Amino acid sequence: MQWLCLFTLILFLGCYSVEAQRQDCRRIKEQCSSCLRRLVNPKNELEYINRDCREKLRDRWVWRDVRRCDMQIIACENHDQKLDCETVARLAGMRRLIG
């Protein structure tokens, strides 16, 4: 009986801790966006990513600069995808060039 109670308690705590670790992308988006409205800081710019991706995709996408907050939201909402330049452009809603 004691083993059953102990097993049930461990199972419950395990399930609870897994559920508590789920990502809440909406909350990240709200907190990050409200913070960025108050803060204009060069650290929020991802200059190297923007420069490299703009160069790599210049003939396929119209690249617009993404900020740290944008990348966090994209990464959170699409954690199961590889986030290369092409994927980021598509998920960020950038305009694709026809050709």
Protein backbone atom coordinates (compact mmCIF):
# COMPACT_ATOMS: atom_id res chain seq x y z
CA MET A 1 0.00 0.00 0.00
CA GLN A 2 2.80 2.40 0.88
CA TRP A 3 4.57 1.62 -2.38
CA LEU A 4 1.40 2.36 -4.31
CA CYS A 5 0.99 5.74 -2.59
CA LEU A 6 4.65 6.58 -3.18
CA PHE A 7 4.42 5.55 -6.84
CA THR A 8 1.24 7.59 -7.33
CA LEU A 9 2.84 10.65 -5.72
CA ILE A 10 5.96 10.38 -7.89
CA LEU A 11 3.83 9.91 -11.01
CA PHE A 12 1.71 12.95 -10.14
CA LEU A 13 4.75 15.16 -9.46
CA GLY A 14 6.40 14.00 -12.67
CA CYS A 15 3.35 14.82 -14.78
CA TYR A 16 2.93 18.17 -13.04
CA SER A 17 6.55 19.19 -13.63
CA VAL A 18 6.36 18.25 -17.33
CA GLU A 19 3.18 20.30 -17.77
CA ALA A 20 4.79 23.27 -15.98
CA GLN A 21 7.64 23.30 -18.50
CA ARG A 22 5.40 23.75 -21.55
CA GLN A 23 6.17 26.87 -23.51
CA ASP A 24 3.67 29.68 -23.39
CA CYS A 25 4.61 31.61 -26.53
CA ARG A 26 1.75 34.06 -26.11
CA ARG A 27 3.11 35.17 -22.74
CA ILE A 28 6.62 35.57 -24.16
CA LYS A 29 5.21 37.68 -27.00
CA GLU A 30 3.25 39.95 -24.65
CA GLN A 31 6.15 40.51 -22.26
CA CYS A 32 8.75 40.97 -24.96
CA SER A 33 6.64 43.33 -27.07
CA SER A 34 5.71 45.57 -24.14
CA CYS A 35 9.34 45.74 -23.08
CA LEU A 36 10.57 46.68 -26.55
CA ARG A 37 8.07 49.52 -26.85
CA ARG A 38 9.81 51.14 -23.88
CA LEU A 39 13.33 50.19 -24.81
CA VAL A 40 15.21 51.17 -27.93
CA ASN A 41 18.56 49.50 -27.59
CA PRO A 42 21.08 48.36 -30.20
CA LYS A 43 21.41 45.08 -28.27
CA ASN A 44 17.93 44.18 -29.47
CA GLU A 45 19.13 44.24 -33.07
CA LEU A 46 20.51 41.04 -34.54
CA GLU A 47 22.84 42.77 -36.97
CA TYR A 48 24.85 39.70 -37.96
CA ILE A 49 21.77 37.57 -38.65
CA ASN A 50 20.07 40.34 -40.59
CA ARG A 51 23.18 41.06 -42.66
CA ASP A 52 23.94 37.40 -43.44
CA CYS A 53 20.35 36.41 -44.20
CA ARG A 54 19.75 39.49 -46.35
CA GLU A 55 22.80 38.51 -48.39
CA LYS A 56 21.89 34.81 -48.66
CA LEU A 57 18.27 35.43 -49.63
CA ARG A 58 18.60 38.59 -51.74
CA ASP A 59 17.28 36.89 -54.89
CA ARG A 60 14.37 35.06 -53.17
CA TRP A 61 13.05 37.24 -50.30
CA VAL A 62 12.76 40.91 -49.37
CA TRP A 63 14.47 40.66 -46.02
CA ARG A 64 13.38 43.05 -43.28
CA ASP A 65 15.37 43.30 -40.09
CA VAL A 66 14.25 41.04 -37.28
CA ARG A 67 14.80 41.95 -33.66
CA ARG A 68 15.68 39.75 -30.74
CA CYS A 69 12.07 39.68 -29.57
CA ASP A 70 10.83 38.63 -33.02
CA MET A 71 13.33 35.77 -33.08
CA GLN A 72 12.32 34.59 -29.61
CA ILE A 73 8.68 34.48 -30.62
CA ILE A 74 9.40 32.71 -33.91
CA ALA A 75 11.65 30.18 -32.16
CA CYS A 76 9.08 29.56 -29.43
CA GLU A 77 6.11 29.11 -31.75
CA ASN A 78 8.10 26.92 -34.17
CA HIS A 79 10.37 25.00 -31.85
CA ASP A 80 10.04 21.87 -33.99
CA GLN A 81 11.47 23.49 -37.14
CA LYS A 82 15.01 24.29 -38.19
CA LEU A 83 15.34 28.07 -38.05
CA ASP A 84 17.48 28.88 -41.04
CA CYS A 85 17.20 32.16 -42.96
CA GLU A 86 14.59 30.82 -45.39
CA THR A 87 12.35 29.55 -42.59
CA VAL A 88 12.65 32.77 -40.58
CA ALA A 89 11.72 34.82 -43.65
CA ARG A 90 8.65 32.67 -44.25
CA LEU A 91 7.53 32.63 -40.59
CA ALA A 92 8.14 36.38 -40.15
CA GLY A 93 5.86 37.09 -43.10
CA MET A 94 8.47 38.62 -45.36
CA ARG A 95 7.63 39.18 -49.02
CA ARG A 96 8.85 36.47 -51.40
CA LEU A 97 10.28 37.58 -54.72
CA ILE A 98 8.77 35.99 -57.82
CA GLY A 99 11.25 34.59 -60.22
